[in-house]
Amino acid sequence: MKILHTADWHLGKRLDRFSRLEEQISAMEEIISIADEEDVDLILVAGDLFDNFTPGVETAELFYKTLKRLSQNGERPVIAISGNHDSPNLINAPDPLARECGIILIGHPKAEILPFGTGHFQIVNSKEGFIELAFVNIDFPVRILHTPYANEVRLKEYFGENKEEEINKVLSETWKELADQFCDTSGVNLLTAHLYMNKRGAEILEEPDGEKPIKIGNADLIFSDSIPNQIQYTALGHLHAFQNIGTQEKPVVYSSSPLCYSFSEAGQTKYISIVEAEPGQPVSFIKKPLKSGRKLVRKTFTSVEDSVQWLTKNPYTFIELTLESETFLTSDERRMIYQSHNGIVHLIPKVKSKGLTEQESPEINLNQDIEPLFRDYFKSKNGGQEANEELMNLFNEILNA
């Protein structure tokens, strides 16, 4: 069978003042197309479905329409869990309607999904944190351990008061108990979770800029050795770069977000994971690149002319632009830069320091007239940089007012 694993859609997310909705629509279309082209049997969406607890009408409409099309009106099961950006109650709310389309929405940890079926598959077994699916056209079952994100309050509610010491232990024991009870080699065994997970002893994986952090010290860090041996593939959400923190035989995969959502992700290619699985055998998986959306670029220039030339040649991008120069940008230069491109998110002027030493720093004569006094003060605070004419005109305008 084939499984499509995606995560961290963050529908409704903006980049500073820029909406990303049109790009997200394109990304969802691309995921739907890949699911149909690859003829996948099951889709896992591993959390952070929305970017905030109260998504707008257009965002919610995009989400539900995408799931419905992915499910092919009930022919293909879609399982979506909540992440740390999602309201678990909102994710659970449309469940009765979602089931009619073969969509399984899971908002809370330890949720128990009541059995139901469509003409193409049915839930034949269910327990807190676990479901088993039987397909009409596949001659073996699929078992899925599911763990949506749990915040501080929910962790205490579901996993006990002593979270820092117990979360790895409790998750490990919970998963093992379910796997021992249900996950033998006669079916495909999967785990999907929205957690900050890493290999024990490995270098810390950085959370993206702008992402609500899960990891606070090591209190919320789950180690991959907590995953039961029976699990053939673990579908994770939270980190936005594609990576396998497991092994080739038993992958533990962050599938990545569908778009670059912060400049810490600039230059990243985004992916979804296509998994081929059968009972009792190691899975194989490939990462399929996604092409939708504007690229995020960090660029540094030393002249306004060079920056404008590059900007006009690269229109379909979002830019964090740093301009290093000997003088501060004038309003005309700023206007020229912004008029050359409609995707400048940040413009960072960086005046080159002349590197005056303490001995070279001139003393300021406090008895001089106000204008030369301001010039000397500005120079002392900006590494020897002279105030330009525009700044001095503004200073005099304020002074005369």
Protein backbone atom coordinates (compact mmCIF):
# COMPACT_ATOMS: atom_id res chain seq x y z
CA MET A 1 0.00 0.00 0.00
CA LYS A 2 0.99 3.65 -0.43
CA ILE A 3 0.77 6.35 2.24
CA LEU A 4 1.16 10.11 1.79
CA HIS A 5 2.56 11.92 4.83
CA THR A 6 2.35 15.70 5.07
CA ALA A 7 2.30 18.18 7.97
CA ASP A 8 2.55 21.78 9.14
CA TRP A 9 0.21 23.35 6.62
CA HIS A 10 -0.22 26.44 8.83
CA LEU A 11 -3.20 27.56 6.77
CA GLY A 12 -3.85 31.26 7.33
CA LYS A 13 -0.25 32.07 8.19
CA ARG A 14 1.08 35.44 7.05
CA LEU A 15 4.61 36.65 6.45
CA ASP A 16 4.70 39.98 8.21
CA ARG A 17 2.10 42.07 6.29
CA PHE A 18 1.86 39.61 3.38
CA SER A 19 -0.95 37.07 3.02
CA ARG A 20 0.12 33.59 1.89
CA LEU A 21 -3.39 32.34 1.10
CA GLU A 22 -2.97 32.18 -2.69
CA GLU A 23 0.29 30.29 -2.30
CA GLN A 24 -1.37 27.91 0.17
CA ILE A 25 -4.18 27.25 -2.29
CA SER A 26 -1.53 26.31 -4.89
CA ALA A 27 0.31 24.10 -2.40
CA MET A 28 -2.89 22.25 -1.46
CA GLU A 29 -3.66 21.72 -5.17
CA GLU A 30 -0.18 20.31 -5.64
CA ILE A 31 -0.55 17.87 -2.72
CA ILE A 32 -3.93 16.72 -4.05
CA SER A 33 -2.40 16.17 -7.51
CA ILE A 34 0.49 14.12 -6.10
CA ALA A 35 -1.91 12.01 -4.00
CA ASP A 36 -3.96 11.22 -7.12
CA GLU A 37 -0.96 10.66 -9.41
CA GLU A 38 0.69 8.32 -6.89
CA ASP A 39 -2.67 6.61 -6.26
CA VAL A 40 -2.05 6.59 -2.50
CA ASP A 41 -4.30 4.54 -0.21
CA LEU A 42 -4.02 6.61 2.99
CA ILE A 43 -3.13 10.19 3.90
CA LEU A 44 -1.64 11.34 7.21
CA VAL A 45 -1.56 15.04 8.12
CA ALA A 46 0.61 15.36 11.23
CA GLY A 47 -0.61 18.56 12.86
CA ASP A 48 -0.42 22.36 12.65
CA LEU A 49 -3.28 22.29 10.20
CA PHE A 50 -4.04 25.96 10.88
CA ASP A 51 -1.72 28.73 12.04
CA ASN A 52 -3.89 29.85 14.95
CA PHE A 53 -6.81 28.76 17.11
CA THR A 54 -9.35 30.94 15.23
CA PRO A 55 -8.80 30.59 11.47
CA GLY A 56 -10.71 32.88 9.13
CA VAL A 57 -13.57 31.77 6.91
CA GLU A 58 -11.44 31.50 3.74
CA THR A 59 -8.78 29.53 5.60
CA ALA A 60 -11.28 27.07 7.11
CA GLU A 61 -12.95 26.64 3.72
CA LEU A 62 -9.58 25.82 2.11
CA PHE A 63 -8.86 23.25 4.83
CA TYR A 64 -12.13 21.34 4.58
CA LYS A 65 -12.26 21.43 0.78
CA THR A 66 -8.68 20.12 0.63
CA LEU A 67 -9.44 17.23 2.98
CA LYS A 68 -12.60 16.36 1.04
CA ARG A 69 -10.72 16.24 -2.25
CA LEU A 70 -7.87 14.25 -0.71
CA SER A 71 -10.41 11.74 0.59
CA GLN A 72 -11.97 11.34 -2.88
CA ASN A 73 -15.40 11.60 -1.25
CA GLY A 74 -14.81 8.73 1.15
CA GLU A 75 -12.81 6.39 -1.05
CA ARG A 76 -9.49 7.19 0.67
CA PRO A 77 -9.08 7.71 4.45
CA VAL A 78 -7.49 10.98 5.57
CA ILE A 79 -6.28 11.16 9.16
CA ALA A 80 -5.43 14.65 10.47
CA ILE A 81 -4.25 15.36 14.02
CA SER A 82 -3.95 18.70 15.80
CA GLY A 83 -0.64 20.46 16.40
CA ASN A 84 0.49 23.15 18.80
CA HIS A 85 -1.02 25.88 16.59
CA ASP A 86 -4.44 24.19 16.46
CA SER A 87 -7.47 24.32 18.73
CA PRO A 88 -8.20 20.65 19.49
CA ASN A 89 -11.89 21.44 20.00
CA LEU A 90 -12.07 23.14 16.59
CA ILE A 91 -10.38 20.16 14.93
CA ASN A 92 -12.88 17.78 16.57
CA ALA A 93 -15.95 19.95 15.88
CA PRO A 94 -16.87 18.85 12.31
CA ASP A 95 -16.20 15.16 13.01
CA PRO A 96 -19.71 13.78 12.21
CA LEU A 97 -19.69 15.48 8.80
CA ALA A 98 -16.05 14.60 8.18
CA ARG A 99 -16.73 10.90 8.69
CA GLU A 100 -19.23 10.94 5.83
CA CYS A 101 -16.24 11.83 3.63
CA GLY A 102 -13.84 9.33 5.20
CA ILE A 103 -11.97 12.03 7.11
CA ILE A 104 -10.77 11.24 10.65
CA LEU A 105 -10.01 14.39 12.68
CA ILE A 106 -8.21 13.88 16.00
CA GLY A 107 -7.85 16.89 18.30
CA HIS A 108 -7.01 15.50 21.74
CA PRO A 109 -4.35 13.13 23.04
CA LYS A 110 -5.75 9.74 23.98
CA ALA A 111 -8.84 10.37 21.84
CA GLU A 112 -10.93 7.30 21.11
CA ILE A 113 -12.45 7.25 17.63
CA LEU A 114 -15.82 5.51 17.43
CA PRO A 115 -15.88 2.84 14.70
CA PHE A 116 -17.45 3.81 11.38
CA GLY A 117 -17.05 2.91 7.75
CA THR A 118 -17.55 4.02 4.16
CA GLY A 119 -17.97 1.83 1.11
CA HIS A 120 -14.17 1.58 0.78
CA PHE A 121 -12.79 1.20 4.32
CA GLN A 122 -13.87 0.94 7.93
CA ILE A 123 -12.46 1.34 11.42
CA VAL A 124 -12.55 -2.19 12.80
CA ASN A 125 -10.80 -1.55 16.11
CA SER A 126 -10.36 1.50 18.29
CA LYS A 127 -8.90 2.43 21.64
CA GLU A 128 -7.60 5.65 23.21
CA GLY A 129 -4.73 6.72 20.96
CA PHE A 130 -5.24 3.91 18.45
CA ILE A 131 -7.29 2.94 15.39
CA GLU A 132 -7.21 -0.03 13.03
CA LEU A 133 -8.45 0.30 9.46
CA ALA A 134 -9.59 -2.42 7.09
CA PHE A 135 -9.72 -1.67 3.35
CA VAL A 136 -11.97 -3.29 0.76
CA ASN A 137 -9.14 -3.51 -1.81
CA ILE A 138 -6.19 -4.27 0.56
CA ASP A 139 -5.91 -7.69 2.13
CA PHE A 140 -4.25 -6.59 5.39
CA PRO A 141 -5.19 -4.06 8.11
CA VAL A 142 -3.46 -0.78 8.93
CA ARG A 143 -2.87 0.07 12.60
CA ILE A 144 -2.20 3.68 13.59
CA LEU A 145 -1.04 4.99 16.96
CA HIS A 146 -1.99 8.70 17.08
CA THR A 147 -0.71 11.40 19.45
CA PRO A 148 -1.82 14.99 18.72
CA TYR A 149 0.10 17.80 20.39
CA ALA A 150 -0.49 18.27 24.10
CA ASN A 151 0.27 21.63 25.75
CA GLU A 152 1.35 22.09 29.36
CA VAL A 153 -2.19 21.80 30.73
CA ARG A 154 -3.13 18.84 28.56
CA LEU A 155 0.13 17.05 29.29
CA LYS A 156 -0.64 17.22 32.99
CA GLU A 157 -4.21 16.16 32.37
CA TYR A 158 -3.33 13.18 30.20
CA PHE A 159 0.14 12.21 31.31
CA GLY A 160 0.39 13.14 34.99
CA GLU A 161 1.70 16.03 37.06
CA ASN A 162 5.40 15.23 36.88
CA LYS A 163 5.67 16.04 33.18
CA GLU A 164 9.40 16.71 32.95
CA GLU A 165 10.34 13.29 34.25
CA GLU A 166 7.36 11.29 33.04
CA ILE A 167 6.45 12.32 29.50
CA ASN A 168 9.01 10.07 27.76
CA LYS A 169 8.24 7.23 30.14
CA VAL A 170 4.46 7.56 29.86
CA LEU A 171 4.43 7.94 26.08
CA SER A 172 6.80 5.01 25.71
CA GLU A 173 4.67 2.82 27.95
CA THR A 174 1.40 3.93 26.33
CA TRP A 175 2.68 3.33 22.80
CA LYS A 176 4.24 -0.01 23.77
CA GLU A 177 1.04 -1.22 25.41
CA LEU A 178 -0.99 -0.39 22.30
CA ALA A 179 1.62 -1.87 19.95
CA ASP A 180 1.91 -5.08 21.98
CA GLN A 181 -1.86 -5.46 22.00
CA PHE A 182 -2.66 -4.64 18.37
CA CYS A 183 0.44 -4.39 16.17
CA ASP A 184 1.57 -7.82 15.02
CA THR A 185 3.22 -8.59 11.68
CA SER A 186 -0.06 -9.37 9.89
CA GLY A 187 -0.71 -5.64 9.27
CA VAL A 188 1.03 -2.34 8.57
CA ASN A 189 1.87 -0.50 11.80
CA LEU A 190 2.23 3.30 11.88
CA LEU A 191 2.60 6.11 14.41
CA THR A 192 1.63 9.72 13.76
CA ALA A 193 2.38 12.49 16.27
CA HIS A 194 2.92 16.22 16.59
CA LEU A 195 5.82 16.36 19.02
CA TYR A 196 9.33 17.69 19.38
CA MET A 197 11.17 14.40 18.85
CA ASN A 198 14.85 13.70 18.37
CA LYS A 199 17.32 10.86 18.53
CA ARG A 200 18.83 10.46 22.00
CA GLY A 201 22.24 12.11 22.15
CA ALA A 202 21.84 13.83 18.78
CA GLU A 203 22.38 17.53 18.09
CA ILE A 204 19.37 19.66 19.00
CA LEU A 205 17.10 20.32 16.03
CA GLU A 206 16.21 24.01 15.79
CA GLU A 207 12.59 25.07 15.67
CA PRO A 208 11.81 27.53 12.85
CA ASP A 209 11.66 31.28 13.49
CA GLY A 210 8.11 32.35 14.26
CA GLU A 211 7.10 28.83 15.30
CA LYS A 212 5.46 28.54 18.70
CA PRO A 213 8.15 26.61 20.54
CA ILE A 214 7.46 23.20 22.00
CA LYS A 215 10.94 22.56 23.32
CA ILE A 216 11.65 24.37 26.60
CA GLY A 217 14.96 22.99 27.81
CA ASN A 218 14.55 19.22 27.58
CA ALA A 219 11.19 19.08 29.34
CA ASP A 220 9.21 18.59 26.13
CA LEU A 221 11.80 16.64 24.15
CA ILE A 222 10.63 13.15 23.20
CA PHE A 223 13.28 10.64 22.25
CA SER A 224 12.80 8.42 19.22
CA ASP A 225 13.75 5.32 21.22
CA SER A 226 10.29 5.66 22.83
CA ILE A 227 8.77 4.35 19.57
CA PRO A 228 7.79 0.67 19.80
CA ASN A 229 9.72 -1.83 17.69
CA GLN A 230 6.54 -2.87 15.86
CA ILE A 231 6.14 0.58 14.26
CA GLN A 232 7.33 0.56 10.65
CA TYR A 233 7.00 4.29 9.92
CA THR A 234 6.53 7.33 12.18
CA ALA A 235 4.88 10.40 10.62
CA LEU A 236 5.85 13.52 12.58
CA GLY A 237 4.87 17.17 12.45
CA HIS A 238 6.33 20.36 13.98
CA LEU A 239 9.77 20.97 12.42
CA HIS A 240 9.52 22.55 8.97
CA ALA A 241 12.50 20.90 7.23
CA PHE A 242 12.31 17.37 5.83
CA GLN A 243 14.42 14.99 7.91
CA ASN A 244 14.51 11.36 8.98
CA ILE A 245 15.65 11.05 12.59
CA GLY A 246 15.14 7.29 12.54
CA THR A 247 16.78 4.70 10.31
CA GLN A 248 16.26 3.75 6.68
CA GLU A 249 14.55 0.54 7.84
CA LYS A 250 12.32 2.27 10.41
CA PRO A 251 11.99 5.92 9.36
CA VAL A 252 10.93 8.63 11.82
CA VAL A 253 10.16 11.49 9.47
CA TYR A 254 9.35 15.19 9.64
CA SER A 255 7.77 15.69 6.24
CA SER A 256 8.29 19.51 6.27
CA SER A 257 5.84 22.36 5.79
CA PRO A 258 4.48 22.88 2.25
CA LEU A 259 5.83 26.46 2.05
CA CYS A 260 8.75 28.38 3.54
CA TYR A 261 7.15 30.31 6.38
CA SER A 262 10.10 32.25 7.85
CA PHE A 263 13.48 33.48 6.66
CA SER A 264 15.16 30.80 8.77
CA GLU A 265 13.74 28.47 6.09
CA ALA A 266 15.12 30.54 3.19
CA GLY A 267 16.49 28.29 0.45
CA GLN A 268 14.78 25.13 1.72
CA THR A 269 13.02 22.78 -0.67
CA LYS A 270 9.72 21.55 0.75
CA TYR A 271 8.49 17.98 0.45
CA ILE A 272 5.86 15.42 1.19
CA SER A 273 6.72 11.80 1.97
CA ILE A 274 5.37 8.91 -0.10
CA VAL A 275 5.66 5.62 1.80
CA GLU A 276 5.28 2.09 0.46
CA ALA A 277 4.47 -0.44 3.18
CA GLU A 278 3.49 -4.05 3.61
CA PRO A 279 3.17 -6.24 6.70
CA GLY A 280 6.32 -7.54 8.35
CA GLN A 281 8.73 -5.75 5.98
CA PRO A 282 10.77 -2.53 6.17
CA VAL A 283 9.00 0.34 4.45
CA SER A 284 10.46 2.35 1.59
CA PHE A 285 9.82 6.05 1.20
CA ILE A 286 10.69 8.91 -1.11
CA LYS A 287 10.48 12.63 -0.55
CA LYS A 288 8.54 14.37 -3.30
CA PRO A 289 9.51 18.02 -3.74
CA LEU A 290 6.82 20.70 -3.74
CA LYS A 291 7.16 23.60 -6.16
CA SER A 292 4.38 25.95 -5.04
CA GLY A 293 4.86 29.35 -3.49
CA ARG A 294 7.33 32.19 -3.53
CA LYS A 295 10.91 31.50 -2.58
CA LEU A 296 12.19 33.25 0.54
CA VAL A 297 15.54 34.90 -0.05
CA ARG A 298 18.06 36.68 2.15
CA LYS A 299 20.26 39.01 0.09
CA THR A 300 22.95 41.56 0.96
CA PHE A 301 24.06 44.35 -1.38
CA THR A 302 26.53 47.20 -1.13
CA SER A 303 24.80 49.56 -3.56
CA VAL A 304 21.23 50.64 -4.21
CA GLU A 305 21.69 50.16 -7.97
CA ASP A 306 22.77 46.53 -7.60
CA SER A 307 19.90 45.76 -5.26
CA VAL A 308 17.33 47.32 -7.61
CA GLN A 309 18.77 45.39 -10.57
CA TRP A 310 18.47 42.07 -8.70
CA LEU A 311 14.99 42.87 -7.39
CA THR A 312 13.61 43.63 -10.85
CA LYS A 313 15.02 40.33 -12.18
CA ASN A 314 13.53 38.23 -9.33
CA PRO A 315 9.93 39.39 -8.92
CA TYR A 316 8.27 36.21 -7.52
CA THR A 317 10.16 36.14 -4.22
CA PHE A 318 9.90 37.37 -0.67
CA ILE A 319 13.05 39.18 0.36
CA GLU A 320 14.93 40.07 3.50
CA LEU A 321 17.20 42.72 2.04
CA THR A 322 20.30 44.02 3.81
CA LEU A 323 21.99 47.06 2.27
CA GLU A 324 25.53 47.80 3.42
CA SER A 325 26.68 51.33 2.60
CA GLU A 326 28.88 54.18 3.73
CA THR A 327 25.90 56.43 4.41
CA PHE A 328 22.35 56.01 5.62
CA LEU A 329 19.66 55.46 2.99
CA THR A 330 17.82 58.55 1.83
CA SER A 331 14.06 58.54 1.46
CA ASP A 332 14.48 58.62 -2.34
CA GLU A 333 16.69 55.53 -2.22
CA ARG A 334 14.20 53.70 -0.02
CA ARG A 335 11.38 54.65 -2.37
CA MET A 336 13.38 53.40 -5.39
CA ILE A 337 14.01 50.04 -3.69
CA TYR A 338 10.39 49.48 -2.63
CA GLN A 339 9.05 50.53 -6.03
CA SER A 340 11.23 47.93 -7.76
CA HIS A 341 9.70 44.91 -5.97
CA ASN A 342 6.42 44.04 -4.22
CA GLY A 343 7.82 41.32 -1.95
CA ILE A 344 10.29 43.15 0.29
CA VAL A 345 9.46 41.93 3.78
CA HIS A 346 12.40 43.51 5.62
CA LEU A 347 14.80 46.23 4.48
CA ILE A 348 17.80 46.36 6.79
CA PRO A 349 20.17 49.32 6.27
CA LYS A 350 23.64 48.54 7.59
CA VAL A 351 26.09 51.43 7.73
CA LYS A 352 29.69 50.25 7.54
CA SER A 353 31.57 51.11 10.71
CA LYS A 354 34.82 52.94 10.25
CA GLY A 355 36.12 51.15 13.31
CA LEU A 356 37.44 54.08 15.31
CA THR A 357 39.46 53.01 18.32
CA GLU A 358 38.91 54.54 21.72
CA GLN A 359 42.07 56.62 21.28
CA GLU A 360 40.89 57.87 17.86
CA SER A 361 37.43 58.89 19.08
CA PRO A 362 37.28 62.68 19.15
CA GLU A 363 36.17 64.58 22.22
CA ILE A 364 32.91 66.49 21.75
CA ASN A 365 32.98 70.19 22.50
CA LEU A 366 29.75 70.74 24.40
CA ASN A 367 30.03 74.54 24.07
CA GLN A 368 29.64 74.62 20.28
CA ASP A 369 26.46 75.52 18.37
CA ILE A 370 23.63 73.00 18.27
CA GLU A 371 24.09 71.91 14.64
CA PRO A 372 27.80 70.95 14.84
CA LEU A 373 27.11 69.50 18.28
CA PHE A 374 24.47 67.19 16.78
CA ARG A 375 26.88 66.24 13.96
CA ASP A 376 29.56 65.29 16.48
CA TYR A 377 27.07 63.39 18.64
CA PHE A 378 25.72 61.44 15.67
CA LYS A 379 29.26 60.63 14.56
CA SER A 380 30.24 59.38 18.02
CA LYS A 381 27.21 57.07 18.17
CA ASN A 382 27.60 55.62 14.68
CA GLY A 383 31.21 54.51 14.41
CA GLY A 384 32.45 57.75 12.90
CA GLN A 385 29.69 57.89 10.26
CA GLU A 386 28.77 61.42 9.18
CA ALA A 387 25.12 62.49 9.23
CA ASN A 388 23.93 62.91 5.65
CA GLU A 389 22.31 66.02 4.23
CA GLU A 390 18.78 64.64 4.45
CA LEU A 391 19.18 63.84 8.15
CA MET A 392 20.61 67.31 8.85
CA ASN A 393 17.70 68.94 7.00
CA LEU A 394 15.28 66.94 9.13
CA PHE A 395 17.17 67.93 12.27
CA ASN A 396 17.01 71.62 11.35
CA GLU A 397 13.31 71.32 10.48
CA ILE A 398 12.60 69.89 13.94
CA LEU A 399 14.85 72.50 15.56
CA ASN A 400 13.13 75.40 13.78
CA ALA A 401 9.69 74.03 14.59
